[in-house]
C-alpha atoms as a PDB file:
ATOM      1  CA  MET A   1       0.000   0.000   0.000  1.00  0.00           C
ATOM      2  CA  LYS A   2       2.887   2.403   0.736  1.00  0.00           C
ATOM      3  CA  LYS A   3       3.989   1.834  -2.827  1.00  0.00           C
ATOM      4  CA  TYR A   4       0.881   3.589  -4.129  1.00  0.00           C
ATOM      5  CA  SER A   5       0.261   6.079  -1.306  1.00  0.00           C
ATOM      6  CA  ASP A   6       1.344   9.193  -3.243  1.00  0.00           C
ATOM      7  CA  MET A   7      -0.698   8.137  -6.247  1.00  0.00           C
ATOM      8  CA  ILE A   8      -3.794   7.503  -4.109  1.00  0.00           C
ATOM      9  CA  CYS A   9      -3.394  10.827  -2.253  1.00  0.00           C
ATOM     10  CA  GLY A  10      -2.930  12.615  -5.575  1.00  0.00           C
ATOM     11  CA  PHE A  11      -6.111  11.139  -7.028  1.00  0.00           C
ATOM     12  CA  ALA A  12      -8.021  11.897  -3.817  1.00  0.00           C
ATOM     13  CA  GLY A  13      -6.792  15.505  -3.963  1.00  0.00           C
ATOM     14  CA  MET A  14      -7.898  15.759  -7.583  1.00  0.00           C
ATOM     15  CA  VAL A  15     -11.383  14.519  -6.682  1.00  0.00           C
ATOM     16  CA  VAL A  16     -11.649  16.984  -3.789  1.00  0.00           C
ATOM     17  CA  ALA A  17     -10.463  19.818  -6.065  1.00  0.00           C
ATOM     18  CA  LEU A  18     -13.083  18.918  -8.671  1.00  0.00           C
ATOM     19  CA  VAL A  19     -15.839  18.849  -6.044  1.00  0.00           C
ATOM     20  CA  ILE A  20     -14.742  22.240  -4.698  1.00  0.00           C
ATOM     21  CA  PHE A  21     -14.646  23.677  -8.217  1.00  0.00           C
ATOM     22  CA  VAL A  22     -18.120  22.393  -9.096  1.00  0.00           C
ATOM     23  CA  LEU A  23     -19.569  23.670  -5.810  1.00  0.00           C
ATOM     24  CA  SER A  24     -17.879  27.062  -6.202  1.00  0.00           C
ATOM     25  CA  ILE A  25     -19.421  27.511  -9.663  1.00  0.00           C
ATOM     26  CA  GLN A  26     -22.829  27.237  -8.002  1.00  0.00           C
ATOM     27  CA  ILE A  27     -22.155  30.215  -5.707  1.00  0.00           C
ATOM     28  CA  SER A  28     -24.244  33.072  -7.041  1.00  0.00           C
ATOM     29  CA  MET A  29     -22.776  36.481  -7.764  1.00  0.00           C
ATOM     30  CA  LYS A  30     -24.384  39.711  -6.649  1.00  0.00           C
ATOM     31  CA  GLU A  31     -25.328  42.269  -9.259  1.00  0.00           C
ATOM     32  CA  GLY A  32     -22.545  44.647 -10.113  1.00  0.00           C
ATOM     33  CA  ASP A  33     -19.769  42.390  -8.797  1.00  0.00           C
ATOM     34  CA  MET A  34     -17.115  41.459 -11.323  1.00  0.00           C
ATOM     35  CA  ILE A  35     -15.674  38.833  -9.028  1.00  0.00           C
ATOM     36  CA  GLY A  36     -17.986  36.857  -6.766  1.00  0.00           C
ATOM     37  CA  ALA A  37     -17.531  34.802  -3.639  1.00  0.00           C
ATOM     38  CA  GLY A  38     -16.832  31.701  -5.734  1.00  0.00           C
ATOM     39  CA  PHE A  39     -13.722  33.223  -7.300  1.00  0.00           C
ATOM     40  CA  LEU A  40     -11.220  32.256  -4.586  1.00  0.00           C
ATOM     41  CA  PRO A  41     -12.479  28.656  -4.214  1.00  0.00           C
ATOM     42  CA  GLN A  42     -12.182  28.242  -7.986  1.00  0.00           C
ATOM     43  CA  ILE A  43      -8.579  29.460  -7.972  1.00  0.00           C
ATOM     44  CA  VAL A  44      -7.716  27.288  -4.966  1.00  0.00           C
ATOM     45  CA  SER A  45      -9.352  24.223  -6.538  1.00  0.00           C
ATOM     46  CA  VAL A  46      -7.349  24.667  -9.757  1.00  0.00           C
ATOM     47  CA  ILE A  47      -4.111  24.993  -7.780  1.00  0.00           C
ATOM     48  CA  VAL A  48      -4.963  21.964  -5.598  1.00  0.00           C
ATOM     49  CA  PHE A  49      -5.868  19.974  -8.709  1.00  0.00           C
ATOM     50  CA  GLY A  50      -2.525  20.846 -10.312  1.00  0.00           C
ATOM     51  CA  PHE A  51      -0.475  19.900  -7.257  1.00  0.00           C
ATOM     52  CA  SER A  52      -2.505  16.723  -6.794  1.00  0.00           C
ATOM     53  CA  ALA A  53      -1.978  15.752 -10.434  1.00  0.00           C
ATOM     54  CA  VAL A  54       1.766  16.254 -10.019  1.00  0.00           C
ATOM     55  CA  LEU A  55       1.695  14.151  -6.834  1.00  0.00           C
ATOM     56  CA  ALA A  56      -0.280  11.384  -8.564  1.00  0.00           C
ATOM     57  CA  GLY A  57       2.090  11.445 -11.534  1.00  0.00           C
ATOM     58  CA  ARG A  58       5.173  11.280  -9.321  1.00  0.00           C
ATOM     59  CA  GLY A  59       3.557   8.517  -7.276  1.00  0.00           C
ATOM     60  CA  TRP A  60       2.821   6.477 -10.384  1.00  0.00           C
ATOM     61  CA  LYS A  61       6.366   6.976 -11.672  1.00  0.00           C
ATOM     62  CA  LEU A  62       7.960   6.137  -8.314  1.00  0.00           C
ATOM     63  CA  SER A  63       5.737   3.091  -7.751  1.00  0.00           C
ATOM     64  CA  LYS A  64       7.550   1.349 -10.611  1.00  0.00           C
ATOM     65  CA  VAL A  65      10.905   1.595  -8.829  1.00  0.00           C
ATOM     66  CA  TYR A  66       9.637   1.405  -5.232  1.00  0.00           C
ATOM     67  CA  THR A  67      11.738  -0.412  -2.633  1.00  0.00           C
ATOM     68  CA  GLU A  68      10.624  -0.895   0.975  1.00  0.00           C
ATOM     69  CA  LYS A  69      12.666   1.146   3.444  1.00  0.00           C
ATOM     70  CA  THR A  70      12.341   2.188   7.040  1.00  0.00           C
ATOM     71  CA  ALA A  71      10.565   5.429   7.799  1.00  0.00           C
ATOM     72  CA  ALA A  72      12.935   8.375   8.148  1.00  0.00           C
ATOM     73  CA  TYR A  73      10.365  10.456  10.018  1.00  0.00           C
ATOM     74  CA  PRO A  74       8.130   9.402  12.878  1.00  0.00           C
ATOM     75  CA  SER A  75       4.398   9.297  12.258  1.00  0.00           C
ATOM     76  CA  ASN A  76       2.488  12.378  13.364  1.00  0.00           C
ATOM     77  CA  SER A  77      -1.120  11.182  13.412  1.00  0.00           C
ATOM     78  CA  ASN A  78      -2.005  13.406  16.358  1.00  0.00           C
ATOM     79  CA  GLY A  79      -0.684  16.485  14.568  1.00  0.00           C
ATOM     80  CA  VAL A  80      -2.731  15.668  11.462  1.00  0.00           C
ATOM     81  CA  LEU A  81      -5.889  15.154  13.509  1.00  0.00           C
ATOM     82  CA  LEU A  82      -5.237  18.379  15.419  1.00  0.00           C
ATOM     83  CA  MET A  83      -4.788  20.276  12.130  1.00  0.00           C
ATOM     84  CA  ILE A  84      -8.084  18.886  10.814  1.00  0.00           C
ATOM     85  CA  ALA A  85      -9.796  19.977  14.032  1.00  0.00           C
ATOM     86  CA  VAL A  86      -8.284  23.467  13.684  1.00  0.00           C
ATOM     87  CA  CYS A  87      -9.609  23.681  10.104  1.00  0.00           C
ATOM     88  CA  PHE A  88     -13.123  22.766  11.235  1.00  0.00           C
ATOM     89  CA  LEU A  89     -12.885  25.230  14.119  1.00  0.00           C
ATOM     90  CA  TYR A  90     -11.828  27.932  11.661  1.00  0.00           C
ATOM     91  CA  ALA A  91     -14.863  27.237   9.475  1.00  0.00           C
ATOM     92  CA  VAL A  92     -17.229  27.337  12.463  1.00  0.00           C
ATOM     93  CA  LEU A  93     -15.801  30.542  13.964  1.00  0.00           C
ATOM     94  CA  LEU A  94     -15.296  32.486  10.713  1.00  0.00           C
ATOM     95  CA  LYS A  95     -18.720  34.120  10.607  1.00  0.00           C
ATOM     96  CA  PRO A  96     -19.179  34.929  14.317  1.00  0.00           C
ATOM     97  CA  LEU A  97     -15.614  36.180  14.962  1.00  0.00           C
ATOM     98  CA  GLY A  98     -14.820  37.536  11.509  1.00  0.00           C
ATOM     99  CA  PHE A  99     -12.094  37.000   8.953  1.00  0.00           C
ATOM    100  CA  ILE A 100      -9.268  38.902  10.608  1.00  0.00           C
ATOM    101  CA  ILE A 101      -9.483  37.342  14.078  1.00  0.00           C
ATOM    102  CA  THR A 102     -10.219  33.803  12.878  1.00  0.00           C
ATOM    103  CA  SER A 103      -7.603  33.825  10.123  1.00  0.00           C
ATOM    104  CA  ALA A 104      -4.932  35.243  12.419  1.00  0.00           C
ATOM    105  CA  GLY A 105      -5.576  32.504  14.977  1.00  0.00           C
ATOM    106  CA  PHE A 106      -5.703  29.823  12.303  1.00  0.00           C
ATOM    107  CA  LEU A 107      -2.472  30.917  10.631  1.00  0.00           C
ATOM    108  CA  PHE A 108      -0.591  31.253  13.931  1.00  0.00           C
ATOM    109  CA  ILE A 109      -1.703  27.807  15.141  1.00  0.00           C
ATOM    110  CA  SER A 110      -0.912  26.288  11.734  1.00  0.00           C
ATOM    111  CA  LEU A 111       2.600  27.736  11.770  1.00  0.00           C
ATOM    112  CA  CYS A 112       3.175  26.384  15.277  1.00  0.00           C
ATOM    113  CA  LEU A 113       1.828  22.924  14.406  1.00  0.00           C
ATOM    114  CA  MET A 114       3.910  22.612  11.242  1.00  0.00           C
ATOM    115  CA  THR A 115       7.198  23.699  12.775  1.00  0.00           C
ATOM    116  CA  LYS A 116       9.514  21.540  14.825  1.00  0.00           C
ATOM    117  CA  LYS A 117       9.294  22.360  18.529  1.00  0.00           C
ATOM    118  CA  GLU A 118      12.900  23.552  18.748  1.00  0.00           C
ATOM    119  CA  LYS A 119      12.502  25.921  15.764  1.00  0.00           C
ATOM    120  CA  ILE A 120       9.305  27.707  16.856  1.00  0.00           C
ATOM    121  CA  ASN A 121       9.788  31.492  16.956  1.00  0.00           C
ATOM    122  CA  TYR A 122       6.615  33.070  18.336  1.00  0.00           C
ATOM    123  CA  ILE A 123       7.575  36.673  17.557  1.00  0.00           C
ATOM    124  CA  LYS A 124       8.349  35.809  13.932  1.00  0.00           C
ATOM    125  CA  PHE A 125       5.084  33.852  13.620  1.00  0.00           C
ATOM    126  CA  ILE A 126       3.057  36.753  15.069  1.00  0.00           C
ATOM    127  CA  ILE A 127       4.611  39.195  12.592  1.00  0.00           C
ATOM    128  CA  ILE A 128       4.023  36.818   9.650  1.00  0.00           C
ATOM    129  CA  THR A 129       0.443  36.254  10.781  1.00  0.00           C
ATOM    130  CA  ILE A 130      -0.427  39.941  11.147  1.00  0.00           C
ATOM    131  CA  VAL A 131       1.177  40.963   7.847  1.00  0.00           C
ATOM    132  CA  ALA A 132      -0.311  38.057   5.878  1.00  0.00           C
ATOM    133  CA  VAL A 133      -3.850  38.377   7.250  1.00  0.00           C
ATOM    134  CA  LEU A 134      -3.974  42.148   6.771  1.00  0.00           C
ATOM    135  CA  ALA A 135      -2.527  41.874   3.253  1.00  0.00           C
ATOM    136  CA  ILE A 136      -5.055  39.199   2.295  1.00  0.00           C
ATOM    137  CA  TYR A 137      -7.891  41.212   3.816  1.00  0.00           C
ATOM    138  CA  LEU A 138      -6.901  44.377   1.968  1.00  0.00           C
ATOM    139  CA  VAL A 139      -6.408  42.598  -1.368  1.00  0.00           C
ATOM    140  CA  PHE A 140      -9.802  40.929  -1.240  1.00  0.00           C
ATOM    141  CA  THR A 141     -11.788  43.854   0.143  1.00  0.00           C
ATOM    142  CA  GLU A 142     -10.119  46.773  -1.651  1.00  0.00           C
ATOM    143  CA  LEU A 143      -8.762  45.254  -4.868  1.00  0.00           C
ATOM    144  CA  PHE A 144     -11.342  42.550  -5.620  1.00  0.00           C
ATOM    145  CA  GLY A 145     -14.247  44.171  -3.784  1.00  0.00           C
ATOM    146  CA  ILE A 146     -15.140  40.916  -2.034  1.00  0.00           C
ATOM    147  CA  ARG A 147     -16.790  41.289   1.353  1.00  0.00           C
ATOM    148  CA  LEU A 148     -15.291  39.119   4.052  1.00  0.00           C
ATOM    149  CA  PRO A 149     -17.035  38.321   7.347  1.00  0.00           C
ATOM    150  CA  HIS A 150     -16.594  41.205   9.806  1.00  0.00           C
ATOM    151  CA  GLY A 151     -17.702  39.295  12.898  1.00  0.00           C
ATOM    152  CA  ILE A 152     -17.273  41.155  16.176  1.00  0.00           C
ATOM    153  CA  LEU A 153     -15.048  43.867  14.671  1.00  0.00           C
END
């Protein structure tokens, strides 16, 4: 099964990307908007599809020359499950708390979860989080004219 794991994950990612794309096409646009709420999910789904296709292709190519070897990295099932829980929490809290607060918390937690314990730099992560969230907010609200959830702000 490990022999085909990249290929299976790639195909699964492609299916998820297609579902997201089809669902995002169904999001209605408001009159006068050039870019609607479905624009970002469409872009993300195309990017995910592309990366997933590359992963599936590499997995298929590597499965032909696969040799069993010991794992170089320890399994991190708890980290994966925690990241999935954080994603669901982000989706639930987005509307009541708003984009800026929820996205800042999500990005900070994600950076901490994906970094080795000894390399975590909280100050650097806070700066990255604030700059990235504000830049994304300004691009989507000012440049694209897309309204993001304001929440309690």
